């Protein structure tokens, strides 16, 4: 009988461990119900134990400590969920002030047909030359030119070789690094793009850019007021 009761208590503990993974309301309700069951089982265990071989008091203490640990874990999880929700709300509220500003991120750029686009290129280690490649929304190369002396900031004017501005639209830029004639790496450079929306997805804050790209707020490495 004692073994059966102990086995039942073990199953109760397993149920409580699983309940931690459920929603806080369901977990709390299940915990309350299981605690009453746990107490009834312990009472039955005391009433039906062998008087000549009683259960050691340390066993009771272990069972109570195990259940108490699960109870504390449920309460801790509830607290952490509440804190995470509050922090996400605060961050979202603060990040909403970014709307209308320009974010520095690795994403396609929006060219309005007149305003030059400033980029912050990265170069592969060992590179002695670089080239900026510009593709349109369909992925076709519309322009490419060498970047002399691998500067930290490059301005793409949006003007073709014949001096005519390219059509307004979304363009993808790529910086190719070379060592001699060998291509080492091609990477999307950081560029400033206007922010149109801030939203949360779970515990993550996403920044929507003017080209439609969404990037996590943590990948925005700079902000500035729109240039007139």
Protein backbone atom coordinates (compact mmCIF):
# COMPACT_ATOMS: atom_id res chain seq x y z
CA UNK A 1 0.00 0.00 0.00
CA UNK A 2 2.85 2.32 0.90
CA UNK A 3 4.48 1.70 -2.49
CA UNK A 4 1.23 2.44 -4.29
CA UNK A 5 0.82 5.70 -2.42
CA UNK A 6 4.45 6.65 -3.11
CA UNK A 7 4.00 5.86 -6.78
CA UNK A 8 0.87 8.03 -6.83
CA UNK A 9 2.80 10.87 -5.24
CA UNK A 10 5.51 10.49 -7.87
CA UNK A 11 2.90 10.72 -10.65
CA UNK A 12 1.48 13.84 -9.01
CA UNK A 13 4.94 15.41 -9.01
CA UNK A 14 5.32 14.64 -12.72
CA UNK A 15 1.98 16.25 -13.47
CA UNK A 16 3.10 19.38 -11.64
CA UNK A 17 6.40 19.50 -13.54
CA UNK A 18 4.49 19.38 -16.81
CA UNK A 19 2.07 22.08 -15.67
CA UNK A 20 4.97 24.56 -15.47
CA UNK A 21 5.05 24.51 -19.26
CA UNK A 22 1.37 25.45 -19.58
CA UNK A 23 -0.14 28.90 -19.32
CA UNK A 24 0.09 30.56 -15.92
CA UNK A 25 -3.66 30.36 -15.22
CA UNK A 26 -3.88 26.66 -16.07
CA UNK A 27 -0.70 25.89 -14.15
CA UNK A 28 -1.91 27.65 -11.02
CA UNK A 29 -5.30 25.93 -11.12
CA UNK A 30 -3.70 22.51 -11.62
CA UNK A 31 -1.23 23.17 -8.83
CA UNK A 32 -4.00 23.97 -6.37
CA UNK A 33 -5.92 20.82 -7.32
CA UNK A 34 -2.84 18.61 -7.19
CA UNK A 35 -1.79 20.01 -3.81
CA UNK A 36 -5.10 18.88 -2.29
CA UNK A 37 -4.63 15.45 -3.88
CA UNK A 38 -1.06 15.37 -2.61
CA UNK A 39 -2.17 16.07 0.96
CA UNK A 40 -4.88 13.36 0.80
CA UNK A 41 -2.35 10.85 -0.47
CA UNK A 42 0.10 11.73 2.29
CA UNK A 43 -2.68 11.33 4.88
CA UNK A 44 -3.54 7.93 3.44
CA UNK A 45 0.13 7.04 3.49
CA UNK A 46 0.35 7.86 7.22
CA UNK A 47 -2.86 6.00 8.06
CA UNK A 48 -1.88 2.85 6.20
CA UNK A 49 1.78 2.59 7.01
CA UNK A 50 3.15 -0.45 8.82
CA UNK A 51 3.35 0.42 12.55
CA UNK A 52 6.37 -1.88 12.86
CA UNK A 53 8.11 -0.22 9.91
CA UNK A 54 6.86 3.37 9.67
CA UNK A 55 7.90 5.68 6.89
CA UNK A 56 10.90 7.74 7.86
CA UNK A 57 10.04 11.38 8.57
CA UNK A 58 12.76 12.46 6.14
CA UNK A 59 10.72 10.88 3.32
CA UNK A 60 7.79 13.15 4.16
CA UNK A 61 10.11 16.14 4.23
CA UNK A 62 11.50 15.20 0.81
CA UNK A 63 8.01 14.90 -0.69
CA UNK A 64 6.95 18.26 0.75
CA UNK A 65 10.16 19.91 -0.44
CA UNK A 66 9.66 18.53 -3.96
CA UNK A 67 6.11 19.87 -4.17
CA UNK A 68 7.15 23.19 -2.66
CA UNK A 69 9.90 23.48 -5.30
CA UNK A 70 7.38 22.96 -8.11
CA UNK A 71 5.03 25.51 -6.52
CA UNK A 72 7.82 28.09 -6.33
CA UNK A 73 8.76 27.41 -9.97
CA UNK A 74 5.18 28.08 -11.09
CA UNK A 75 5.10 31.34 -9.15
CA UNK A 76 8.50 32.34 -10.54
CA UNK A 77 7.34 31.64 -14.08
CA UNK A 78 4.24 33.80 -13.50
CA UNK A 79 6.46 36.64 -12.26
CA UNK A 80 8.88 36.35 -15.19
CA UNK A 81 6.02 36.36 -17.71
CA UNK A 82 4.65 39.53 -16.15
CA UNK A 83 8.07 41.20 -16.15
CA UNK A 84 8.74 40.22 -19.77
CA UNK A 85 5.36 41.58 -20.84
CA UNK A 86 5.96 44.86 -19.03
CA UNK A 87 9.48 45.25 -20.43
CA UNK A 88 8.31 44.53 -23.99
CA UNK A 89 5.56 47.12 -23.63
CA UNK A 90 8.03 49.74 -22.35
CA UNK A 91 10.54 49.03 -25.12
CA UNK A 92 7.78 49.18 -27.76
CA UNK A 93 6.59 52.52 -26.40
CA UNK A 94 10.12 53.94 -26.42
CA UNK A 95 10.91 52.55 -29.89
CA UNK A 96 7.73 54.12 -31.31
CA UNK A 97 9.58 57.46 -31.26
CA UNK A 98 11.80 56.02 -34.02
CA UNK A 99 8.98 56.17 -36.58
CA UNK A 100 9.86 58.72 -39.25
CA UNK A 101 13.58 58.60 -38.43
CA UNK A 102 16.21 56.92 -40.57
CA UNK A 103 17.72 53.64 -39.32
CA UNK A 104 21.18 52.37 -40.15
CA UNK A 105 20.76 48.67 -40.98
CA UNK A 106 21.69 46.01 -43.52
CA UNK A 107 18.70 46.23 -45.84
CA UNK A 108 17.72 47.37 -49.35
CA UNK A 109 17.51 51.12 -49.83
CA UNK A 110 14.77 53.36 -51.17
CA UNK A 111 15.92 55.81 -53.83
CA UNK A 112 13.53 58.69 -54.53
CA UNK A 113 15.03 59.56 -57.89
CA UNK A 114 17.05 62.51 -56.64
CA UNK A 115 18.46 62.14 -53.08
CA UNK A 116 21.85 60.35 -52.80
CA UNK A 117 22.04 57.32 -50.49
CA UNK A 118 24.79 57.06 -47.86
CA UNK A 119 26.11 53.59 -47.04
CA UNK A 120 28.61 52.22 -44.51
CA UNK A 121 30.43 49.40 -46.31
CA UNK A 122 32.33 46.52 -44.71
CA UNK A 123 35.37 45.00 -46.37
CA UNK A 124 36.76 41.50 -46.10
CA UNK A 125 40.03 41.08 -44.23
CA UNK A 126 42.94 41.27 -46.66
CA UNK A 127 40.95 43.13 -49.33
CA UNK A 128 42.88 45.63 -51.44
CA UNK A 129 39.98 46.70 -53.65
CA UNK A 130 36.19 46.84 -53.55
CA UNK A 131 33.26 47.36 -55.86
CA UNK A 132 29.70 48.55 -55.23
CA UNK A 133 27.06 46.60 -57.16
CA UNK A 134 23.52 48.01 -57.46
CA UNK A 135 20.55 45.79 -58.34
CA UNK A 136 16.95 46.79 -59.01
CA UNK A 137 13.86 45.21 -57.47
CA UNK A 138 14.03 42.38 -60.03
CA UNK A 139 17.62 41.58 -59.11
CA UNK A 140 19.13 42.94 -62.33
CA UNK A 141 22.45 44.80 -62.07
CA UNK A 142 21.83 48.43 -63.03
CA UNK A 143 25.13 49.91 -61.93
CA UNK A 144 28.55 48.95 -60.57
CA UNK A 145 31.69 50.91 -59.85
CA UNK A 146 34.96 50.60 -57.97
CA UNK A 147 35.28 51.99 -54.46
CA UNK A 148 38.65 53.67 -54.22
CA UNK A 149 40.75 53.37 -51.04
CA UNK A 150 37.95 51.40 -49.27
CA UNK A 151 36.49 54.38 -47.33
CA UNK A 152 34.23 53.98 -44.27
CA UNK A 153 31.37 55.89 -45.94
CA UNK A 154 30.25 55.84 -49.56
CA UNK A 155 27.58 57.98 -51.24
CA UNK A 156 25.58 56.38 -54.03
CA UNK A 157 24.16 59.20 -56.12
CA UNK A 158 21.66 57.07 -58.05
CA UNK A 159 22.89 58.58 -61.31
CA UNK A 160 23.79 56.34 -64.25
CA UNK A 161 26.94 56.57 -66.38
CA UNK A 162 25.11 58.82 -68.85
CA UNK A 163 24.26 61.29 -66.08
CA UNK A 164 20.58 60.33 -65.97
CA UNK A 165 19.07 59.51 -62.53
CA UNK A 166 17.84 55.94 -62.17
CA UNK A 167 14.09 55.45 -61.61
CA UNK A 168 12.81 55.89 -58.08
CA UNK A 169 12.34 52.59 -56.28
CA UNK A 170 13.92 49.94 -54.06
CA UNK A 171 17.51 48.94 -54.79
CA UNK A 172 19.72 46.27 -53.27
CA UNK A 173 23.35 47.24 -52.77
CA UNK A 174 26.27 44.85 -52.39
CA UNK A 175 29.91 45.52 -51.62
CA UNK A 176 32.29 42.99 -53.17
CA UNK A 177 35.76 42.78 -51.65
CA UNK A 178 38.74 41.70 -53.76
CA UNK A 179 42.32 40.68 -53.20
CA UNK A 180 43.84 41.21 -56.58
CA UNK A 181 41.42 39.54 -58.99
CA UNK A 182 40.02 37.18 -56.36
CA UNK A 183 36.56 37.87 -54.92
CA UNK A 184 36.78 37.46 -51.16
CA UNK A 185 33.28 38.37 -50.05
CA UNK A 186 30.06 40.08 -51.08
CA UNK A 187 27.95 41.64 -48.33
CA UNK A 188 24.99 44.00 -48.02
CA UNK A 189 26.30 47.27 -46.56
CA UNK A 190 24.63 49.23 -43.80
CA UNK A 191 22.55 52.09 -45.12
CA UNK A 192 20.12 54.67 -43.76
CA UNK A 193 16.47 53.89 -44.52
CA UNK A 194 13.34 55.57 -43.17
CA UNK A 195 11.38 53.75 -40.44
CA UNK A 196 7.65 53.39 -41.12
CA UNK A 197 6.48 51.06 -38.36
CA UNK A 198 7.45 49.52 -35.02
CA UNK A 199 5.76 46.35 -33.81
CA UNK A 200 6.25 43.53 -31.34
CA UNK A 201 6.30 39.85 -32.17
CA UNK A 202 6.42 37.82 -28.98
CA UNK A 203 9.22 39.36 -26.95
CA UNK A 204 10.95 40.80 -30.03
CA UNK A 205 10.62 44.36 -31.33
CA UNK A 206 10.63 44.57 -35.14
CA UNK A 207 11.45 47.68 -37.16
CA UNK A 208 9.75 48.02 -40.56
CA UNK A 209 11.70 50.05 -43.10
CA UNK A 210 10.43 52.05 -46.07
CA UNK A 211 11.38 49.29 -48.52
CA UNK A 212 9.18 46.79 -46.64
CA UNK A 213 12.05 45.01 -44.92
CA UNK A 214 11.61 44.14 -41.23
CA UNK A 215 14.65 43.84 -38.98
CA UNK A 216 14.94 43.21 -35.22
CA UNK A 217 15.54 46.44 -33.32
CA UNK A 218 18.85 45.02 -32.08
CA UNK A 219 20.18 45.06 -35.67
CA UNK A 220 19.64 48.81 -36.00
CA UNK A 221 23.10 50.24 -35.36
CA UNK A 222 22.28 53.92 -35.81
CA UNK A 223 19.50 56.51 -36.02
CA UNK A 224 19.30 59.97 -37.51
CA UNK A 225 16.73 62.59 -38.40
CA UNK A 226 15.62 62.52 -42.06
CA UNK A 227 17.70 64.75 -44.26
CA UNK A 228 15.81 67.54 -45.95
